[in-house]
Amino acid sequence: MANRHKIFLADEERTILDNIAQKGKNSARVIVMSLIFLSRDKSPEGRGAKTNARISQELNVSERTIESAKRRFVEGG
């Protein structure tokens, strides 16, 4: 799939997503989406964007799920 949607997180967004992923008090879907965004963060302070294939294997989700999550995030959904 084309990698059209690039995610650049601000420090505040990264902190919020880290808290969601670490505390585990949200639904599994929200936690997985947070981990996807953190893994795809291309900002200089980010974790060094992983490929969709690698994230797919690590989180046991499809690449299509990753692409749709990125699209919704970039488009403000």
PDB file of N, CA and C in Angstrom:
ATOM      1  N   MET A   1       0.834  -1.190   0.000  1.00  0.00           N
ATOM      2  CA  MET A   1       0.000   0.000   0.000  1.00  0.00           C
ATOM      3  C   MET A   1       0.874   1.248   0.000  1.00  0.00           C
ATOM      4  N   ALA A   2       0.367   2.273  -0.592  1.00  0.00           N
ATOM      5  CA  ALA A   2       1.101   3.526  -0.623  1.00  0.00           C
ATOM      6  C   ALA A   2       1.169   4.128   0.776  1.00  0.00           C
ATOM      7  N   ASN A   3       2.274   4.779   1.027  1.00  0.00           N
ATOM      8  CA  ASN A   3       2.486   5.376   2.334  1.00  0.00           C
ATOM      9  C   ASN A   3       2.228   6.871   2.242  1.00  0.00           C
ATOM     10  N   ARG A   4       0.978   7.248   2.029  1.00  0.00           N
ATOM     11  CA  ARG A   4       0.631   8.636   1.741  1.00  0.00           C
ATOM     12  C   ARG A   4       0.440   9.493   2.977  1.00  0.00           C
ATOM     13  N   HIS A   5       0.049   8.912   4.064  1.00  0.00           N
ATOM     14  CA  HIS A   5      -0.277   9.681   5.260  1.00  0.00           C
ATOM     15  C   HIS A   5       0.876   9.612   6.250  1.00  0.00           C
ATOM     16  N   LYS A   6       1.533  10.728   6.437  1.00  0.00           N
ATOM     17  CA  LYS A   6       2.672  10.793   7.341  1.00  0.00           C
ATOM     18  C   LYS A   6       2.230  11.435   8.650  1.00  0.00           C
ATOM     19  N   ILE A   7       2.681  10.868   9.742  1.00  0.00           N
ATOM     20  CA  ILE A   7       2.279  11.338  11.062  1.00  0.00           C
ATOM     21  C   ILE A   7       3.450  12.046  11.727  1.00  0.00           C
ATOM     22  N   PHE A   8       3.218  13.297  12.118  1.00  0.00           N
ATOM     23  CA  PHE A   8       4.185  14.089  12.850  1.00  0.00           C
ATOM     24  C   PHE A   8       3.508  14.512  14.152  1.00  0.00           C
ATOM     25  N   LEU A   9       3.944  13.939  15.263  1.00  0.00           N
ATOM     26  CA  LEU A   9       3.313  14.222  16.547  1.00  0.00           C
ATOM     27  C   LEU A   9       4.022  15.364  17.266  1.00  0.00           C
ATOM     28  N   ALA A  10       3.236  16.218  17.902  1.00  0.00           N
ATOM     29  CA  ALA A  10       3.779  17.255  18.778  1.00  0.00           C
ATOM     30  C   ALA A  10       4.130  16.599  20.114  1.00  0.00           C
ATOM     31  N   ASP A  11       4.930  17.267  20.909  1.00  0.00           N
ATOM     32  CA  ASP A  11       5.331  16.716  22.206  1.00  0.00           C
ATOM     33  C   ASP A  11       4.123  16.371  23.072  1.00  0.00           C
ATOM     34  N   GLU A  12       3.134  17.260  23.085  1.00  0.00           N
ATOM     35  CA  GLU A  12       1.940  17.040  23.893  1.00  0.00           C
ATOM     36  C   GLU A  12       1.166  15.809  23.409  1.00  0.00           C
ATOM     37  N   GLU A  13       1.029  15.656  22.094  1.00  0.00           N
ATOM     38  CA  GLU A  13       0.338  14.493  21.538  1.00  0.00           C
ATOM     39  C   GLU A  13       1.079  13.206  21.884  1.00  0.00           C
ATOM     40  N   ARG A  14       2.396  13.243  21.768  1.00  0.00           N
ATOM     41  CA  ARG A  14       3.210  12.068  22.080  1.00  0.00           C
ATOM     42  C   ARG A  14       3.053  11.668  23.550  1.00  0.00           C
ATOM     43  N   THR A  15       3.025  12.658  24.436  1.00  0.00           N
ATOM     44  CA  THR A  15       2.843  12.397  25.869  1.00  0.00           C
ATOM     45  C   THR A  15       1.484  11.761  26.145  1.00  0.00           C
ATOM     46  N   ILE A  16       0.453  12.301  25.526  1.00  0.00           N
ATOM     47  CA  ILE A  16      -0.905  11.763  25.716  1.00  0.00           C
ATOM     48  C   ILE A  16      -0.970  10.316  25.234  1.00  0.00           C
ATOM     49  N   LEU A  17      -0.427  10.050  24.045  1.00  0.00           N
ATOM     50  CA  LEU A  17      -0.468   8.694  23.494  1.00  0.00           C
ATOM     51  C   LEU A  17       0.374   7.727  24.330  1.00  0.00           C
ATOM     52  N   ASP A  18       1.511   8.188  24.831  1.00  0.00           N
ATOM     53  CA  ASP A  18       2.329   7.345  25.719  1.00  0.00           C
ATOM     54  C   ASP A  18       1.545   6.957  26.969  1.00  0.00           C
ATOM     55  N   ASN A  19       0.837   7.923  27.555  1.00  0.00           N
ATOM     56  CA  ASN A  19       0.039   7.647  28.754  1.00  0.00           C
ATOM     57  C   ASN A  19      -1.067   6.644  28.462  1.00  0.00           C
ATOM     58  N   ILE A  20      -1.722   6.791  27.326  1.00  0.00           N
ATOM     59  CA  ILE A  20      -2.792   5.862  26.948  1.00  0.00           C
ATOM     60  C   ILE A  20      -2.218   4.453  26.805  1.00  0.00           C
ATOM     61  N   ALA A  21      -1.090   4.337  26.118  1.00  0.00           N
ATOM     62  CA  ALA A  21      -0.503   3.019  25.850  1.00  0.00           C
ATOM     63  C   ALA A  21       0.044   2.365  27.115  1.00  0.00           C
ATOM     64  N   GLN A  22       0.595   3.144  28.031  1.00  0.00           N
ATOM     65  CA  GLN A  22       1.232   2.572  29.211  1.00  0.00           C
ATOM     66  C   GLN A  22       0.275   2.230  30.336  1.00  0.00           C
ATOM     67  N   LYS A  23      -0.771   3.021  30.513  1.00  0.00           N
ATOM     68  CA  LYS A  23      -1.667   2.805  31.650  1.00  0.00           C
ATOM     69  C   LYS A  23      -2.626   1.653  31.440  1.00  0.00           C
ATOM     70  N   GLY A  24      -3.025   1.400  30.193  1.00  0.00           N
ATOM     71  CA  GLY A  24      -3.879   0.259  29.907  1.00  0.00           C
ATOM     72  C   GLY A  24      -5.297   0.379  30.446  1.00  0.00           C
ATOM     73  N   LYS A  25      -5.765   1.579  30.672  1.00  0.00           N
ATOM     74  CA  LYS A  25      -7.117   1.757  31.209  1.00  0.00           C
ATOM     75  C   LYS A  25      -8.141   2.055  30.128  1.00  0.00           C
ATOM     76  N   ASN A  26      -7.723   2.042  28.883  1.00  0.00           N
ATOM     77  CA  ASN A  26      -8.626   2.286  27.761  1.00  0.00           C
ATOM     78  C   ASN A  26      -8.928   0.969  27.068  1.00  0.00           C
ATOM     79  N   SER A  27      -9.813   1.031  26.088  1.00  0.00           N
ATOM     80  CA  SER A  27     -10.141  -0.174  25.335  1.00  0.00           C
ATOM     81  C   SER A  27      -8.920  -0.620  24.535  1.00  0.00           C
ATOM     82  N   ALA A  28      -8.903  -1.869  24.172  1.00  0.00           N
ATOM     83  CA  ALA A  28      -7.789  -2.418  23.395  1.00  0.00           C
ATOM     84  C   ALA A  28      -7.625  -1.675  22.081  1.00  0.00           C
ATOM     85  N   ARG A  29      -8.713  -1.303  21.472  1.00  0.00           N
ATOM     86  CA  ARG A  29      -8.666  -0.581  20.192  1.00  0.00           C
ATOM     87  C   ARG A  29      -7.957   0.762  20.345  1.00  0.00           C
ATOM     88  N   VAL A  30      -8.271   1.495  21.391  1.00  0.00           N
ATOM     89  CA  VAL A  30      -7.645   2.794  21.625  1.00  0.00           C
ATOM     90  C   VAL A  30      -6.155   2.631  21.897  1.00  0.00           C
ATOM     91  N   ILE A  31      -5.803   1.621  22.657  1.00  0.00           N
ATOM     92  CA  ILE A  31      -4.390   1.371  22.964  1.00  0.00           C
ATOM     93  C   ILE A  31      -3.630   1.001  21.703  1.00  0.00           C
ATOM     94  N   VAL A  32      -4.196   0.140  20.877  1.00  0.00           N
ATOM     95  CA  VAL A  32      -3.534  -0.259  19.624  1.00  0.00           C
ATOM     96  C   VAL A  32      -3.375   0.944  18.701  1.00  0.00           C
ATOM     97  N   MET A  33      -4.405   1.786  18.596  1.00  0.00           N
ATOM     98  CA  MET A  33      -4.297   2.969  17.748  1.00  0.00           C
ATOM     99  C   MET A  33      -3.191   3.894  18.264  1.00  0.00           C
ATOM    100  N   SER A  34      -3.092   4.047  19.569  1.00  0.00           N
ATOM    101  CA  SER A  34      -2.033   4.868  20.152  1.00  0.00           C
ATOM    102  C   SER A  34      -0.661   4.317  19.798  1.00  0.00           C
ATOM    103  N   LEU A  35      -0.517   3.009  19.897  1.00  0.00           N
ATOM    104  CA  LEU A  35       0.764   2.384  19.561  1.00  0.00           C
ATOM    105  C   LEU A  35       1.091   2.536  18.080  1.00  0.00           C
ATOM    106  N   ILE A  36       0.078   2.477  17.229  1.00  0.00           N
ATOM    107  CA  ILE A  36       0.299   2.693  15.793  1.00  0.00           C
ATOM    108  C   ILE A  36       0.810   4.106  15.552  1.00  0.00           C
ATOM    109  N   PHE A  37       0.151   5.091  16.146  1.00  0.00           N
ATOM    110  CA  PHE A  37       0.563   6.480  15.936  1.00  0.00           C
ATOM    111  C   PHE A  37       1.975   6.719  16.458  1.00  0.00           C
ATOM    112  N   LEU A  38       2.286   6.168  17.614  1.00  0.00           N
ATOM    113  CA  LEU A  38       3.629   6.338  18.163  1.00  0.00           C
ATOM    114  C   LEU A  38       4.677   5.653  17.292  1.00  0.00           C
ATOM    115  N   SER A  39       4.339   4.519  16.725  1.00  0.00           N
ATOM    116  CA  SER A  39       5.285   3.782  15.887  1.00  0.00           C
ATOM    117  C   SER A  39       5.501   4.451  14.535  1.00  0.00           C
ATOM    118  N   ARG A  40       4.507   5.176  14.050  1.00  0.00           N
ATOM    119  CA  ARG A  40       4.614   5.822  12.734  1.00  0.00           C
ATOM    120  C   ARG A  40       5.045   7.285  12.821  1.00  0.00           C
ATOM    121  N   ASP A  41       5.311   7.785  14.005  1.00  0.00           N
ATOM    122  CA  ASP A  41       5.695   9.178  14.205  1.00  0.00           C
ATOM    123  C   ASP A  41       7.007   9.483  13.485  1.00  0.00           C
ATOM    124  N   LYS A  42       6.963  10.424  12.555  1.00  0.00           N
ATOM    125  CA  LYS A  42       8.139  10.788  11.775  1.00  0.00           C
ATOM    126  C   LYS A  42       8.799  12.080  12.256  1.00  0.00           C
ATOM    127  N   SER A  43       8.312  12.661  13.342  1.00  0.00           N
ATOM    128  CA  SER A  43       8.927  13.885  13.842  1.00  0.00           C
ATOM    129  C   SER A  43      10.306  13.571  14.422  1.00  0.00           C
ATOM    130  N   PRO A  44      11.193  14.555  14.502  1.00  0.00           N
ATOM    131  CA  PRO A  44      12.555  14.312  14.997  1.00  0.00           C
ATOM    132  C   PRO A  44      12.608  13.693  16.395  1.00  0.00           C
ATOM    133  N   GLU A  45      11.636  14.018  17.238  1.00  0.00           N
ATOM    134  CA  GLU A  45      11.609  13.473  18.595  1.00  0.00           C
ATOM    135  C   GLU A  45      10.932  12.110  18.663  1.00  0.00           C
ATOM    136  N   GLY A  46      10.399  11.664  17.548  1.00  0.00           N
ATOM    137  CA  GLY A  46       9.650  10.401  17.497  1.00  0.00           C
ATOM    138  C   GLY A  46      10.543   9.180  17.653  1.00  0.00           C
ATOM    139  N   ARG A  47       9.920   8.031  17.570  1.00  0.00           N
ATOM    140  CA  ARG A  47      10.615   6.771  17.780  1.00  0.00           C
ATOM    141  C   ARG A  47      11.246   6.218  16.511  1.00  0.00           C
ATOM    142  N   GLY A  48      11.254   6.987  15.448  1.00  0.00           N
ATOM    143  CA  GLY A  48      11.828   6.501  14.199  1.00  0.00           C
ATOM    144  C   GLY A  48      10.852   5.579  13.502  1.00  0.00           C
ATOM    145  N   ALA A  49      10.043   6.122  12.687  1.00  0.00           N
ATOM    146  CA  ALA A  49       8.911   5.447  12.064  1.00  0.00           C
ATOM    147  C   ALA A  49       9.234   4.035  11.573  1.00  0.00           C
ATOM    148  N   LYS A  50       8.460   3.090  12.062  1.00  0.00           N
ATOM    149  CA  LYS A  50       8.563   1.698  11.625  1.00  0.00           C
ATOM    150  C   LYS A  50       7.706   1.517  10.373  1.00  0.00           C
ATOM    151  N   THR A  51       7.966   0.449   9.672  1.00  0.00           N
ATOM    152  CA  THR A  51       7.157   0.154   8.491  1.00  0.00           C
ATOM    153  C   THR A  51       5.808  -0.415   8.912  1.00  0.00           C
ATOM    154  N   ASN A  52       4.837  -0.303   8.017  1.00  0.00           N
ATOM    155  CA  ASN A  52       3.521  -0.874   8.295  1.00  0.00           C
ATOM    156  C   ASN A  52       3.614  -2.377   8.510  1.00  0.00           C
ATOM    157  N   ALA A  53       4.460  -3.053   7.733  1.00  0.00           N
ATOM    158  CA  ALA A  53       4.601  -4.507   7.858  1.00  0.00           C
ATOM    159  C   ALA A  53       5.111  -4.885   9.247  1.00  0.00           C
ATOM    160  N   ARG A  54       6.081  -4.146   9.743  1.00  0.00           N
ATOM    161  CA  ARG A  54       6.637  -4.463  11.061  1.00  0.00           C
ATOM    162  C   ARG A  54       5.614  -4.188  12.163  1.00  0.00           C
ATOM    163  N   ILE A  55       4.920  -3.058  12.068  1.00  0.00           N
ATOM    164  CA  ILE A  55       3.892  -2.738  13.060  1.00  0.00           C
ATOM    165  C   ILE A  55       2.795  -3.798  13.023  1.00  0.00           C
ATOM    166  N   SER A  56       2.423  -4.221  11.824  1.00  0.00           N
ATOM    167  CA  SER A  56       1.401  -5.243  11.647  1.00  0.00           C
ATOM    168  C   SER A  56       1.773  -6.524  12.391  1.00  0.00           C
ATOM    169  N   GLN A  57       3.012  -6.922  12.275  1.00  0.00           N
ATOM    170  CA  GLN A  57       3.470  -8.136  12.957  1.00  0.00           C
ATOM    171  C   GLN A  57       3.519  -7.943  14.462  1.00  0.00           C
ATOM    172  N   GLU A  58       4.034  -6.801  14.921  1.00  0.00           N
ATOM    173  CA  GLU A  58       4.181  -6.556  16.355  1.00  0.00           C
ATOM    174  C   GLU A  58       2.846  -6.432  17.081  1.00  0.00           C
ATOM    175  N   LEU A  59       1.873  -5.785  16.437  1.00  0.00           N
ATOM    176  CA  LEU A  59       0.588  -5.533  17.090  1.00  0.00           C
ATOM    177  C   LEU A  59      -0.513  -6.491  16.670  1.00  0.00           C
ATOM    178  N   ASN A  60      -0.195  -7.375  15.726  1.00  0.00           N
ATOM    179  CA  ASN A  60      -1.152  -8.355  15.227  1.00  0.00           C
ATOM    180  C   ASN A  60      -2.408  -7.697  14.663  1.00  0.00           C
ATOM    181  N   VAL A  61      -2.183  -6.694  13.818  1.00  0.00           N
ATOM    182  CA  VAL A  61      -3.270  -6.029  13.098  1.00  0.00           C
ATOM    183  C   VAL A  61      -2.907  -6.016  11.621  1.00  0.00           C
ATOM    184  N   SER A  62      -3.885  -5.802  10.779  1.00  0.00           N
ATOM    185  CA  SER A  62      -3.609  -5.793   9.338  1.00  0.00           C
ATOM    186  C   SER A  62      -2.996  -4.453   8.926  1.00  0.00           C
ATOM    187  N   GLU A  63      -2.306  -4.477   7.808  1.00  0.00           N
ATOM    188  CA  GLU A  63      -1.733  -3.242   7.273  1.00  0.00           C
ATOM    189  C   GLU A  63      -2.836  -2.273   6.853  1.00  0.00           C
ATOM    190  N   ARG A  64      -3.958  -2.808   6.438  1.00  0.00           N
ATOM    191  CA  ARG A  64      -5.100  -1.966   6.080  1.00  0.00           C
ATOM    192  C   ARG A  64      -5.611  -1.197   7.308  1.00  0.00           C
ATOM    193  N   THR A  65      -5.614  -1.833   8.467  1.00  0.00           N
ATOM    194  CA  THR A  65      -6.005  -1.164   9.710  1.00  0.00           C
ATOM    195  C   THR A  65      -5.061  -0.014  10.010  1.00  0.00           C
ATOM    196  N   ILE A  66      -3.779  -0.237   9.806  1.00  0.00           N
ATOM    197  CA  ILE A  66      -2.778   0.801  10.055  1.00  0.00           C
ATOM    198  C   ILE A  66      -2.995   1.982   9.112  1.00  0.00           C
ATOM    199  N   GLU A  67      -3.202   1.685   7.838  1.00  0.00           N
ATOM    200  CA  GLU A  67      -3.426   2.747   6.856  1.00  0.00           C
ATOM    201  C   GLU A  67      -4.684   3.542   7.165  1.00  0.00           C
ATOM    202  N   SER A  68      -5.759   2.872   7.539  1.00  0.00           N
ATOM    203  CA  SER A  68      -6.997   3.599   7.829  1.00  0.00           C
ATOM    204  C   SER A  68      -6.852   4.436   9.100  1.00  0.00           C
ATOM    205  N   ALA A  69      -6.124   3.936  10.087  1.00  0.00           N
ATOM    206  CA  ALA A  69      -5.884   4.706  11.308  1.00  0.00           C
ATOM    207  C   ALA A  69      -5.066   5.957  10.997  1.00  0.00           C
ATOM    208  N   LYS A  70      -4.038   5.798  10.183  1.00  0.00           N
ATOM    209  CA  LYS A  70      -3.212   6.949   9.801  1.00  0.00           C
ATOM    210  C   LYS A  70      -4.033   7.969   9.026  1.00  0.00           C
ATOM    211  N   ARG A  71      -4.865   7.499   8.107  1.00  0.00           N
ATOM    212  CA  ARG A  71      -5.696   8.400   7.311  1.00  0.00           C
ATOM    213  C   ARG A  71      -6.638   9.197   8.213  1.00  0.00           C
ATOM    214  N   ARG A  72      -7.301   8.512   9.160  1.00  0.00           N
ATOM    215  CA  ARG A  72      -8.218   9.194  10.071  1.00  0.00           C
ATOM    216  C   ARG A  72      -7.481  10.210  10.933  1.00  0.00           C
ATOM    217  N   PHE A  73      -6.274   9.853  11.382  1.00  0.00           N
ATOM    218  CA  PHE A  73      -5.490  10.764  12.219  1.00  0.00           C
ATOM    219  C   PHE A  73      -5.091  12.019  11.426  1.00  0.00           C
ATOM    220  N   VAL A  74      -4.592  11.826  10.219  1.00  0.00           N
ATOM    221  CA  VAL A  74      -4.133  12.950   9.403  1.00  0.00           C
ATOM    222  C   VAL A  74      -5.294  13.839   8.990  1.00  0.00           C
ATOM    223  N   GLU A  75      -6.428  13.235   8.689  1.00  0.00           N
ATOM    224  CA  GLU A  75      -7.601  14.015   8.266  1.00  0.00           C
ATOM    225  C   GLU A  75      -8.384  14.585   9.435  1.00  0.00           C
ATOM    226  N   GLY A  76      -7.933  14.306  10.650  1.00  0.00           N
ATOM    227  CA  GLY A  76      -8.540  14.913  11.835  1.00  0.00           C
ATOM    228  C   GLY A  76      -9.710  14.152  12.402  1.00  0.00           C
ATOM    229  N   GLY A  77      -9.832  12.869  12.090  1.00  0.00           N
ATOM    230  CA  GLY A  77     -10.965  12.089  12.573  1.00  0.00           C
ATOM    231  C   GLY A  77     -10.778  11.488  13.913  1.00  0.00           C
TER     232      GLY A  77
END
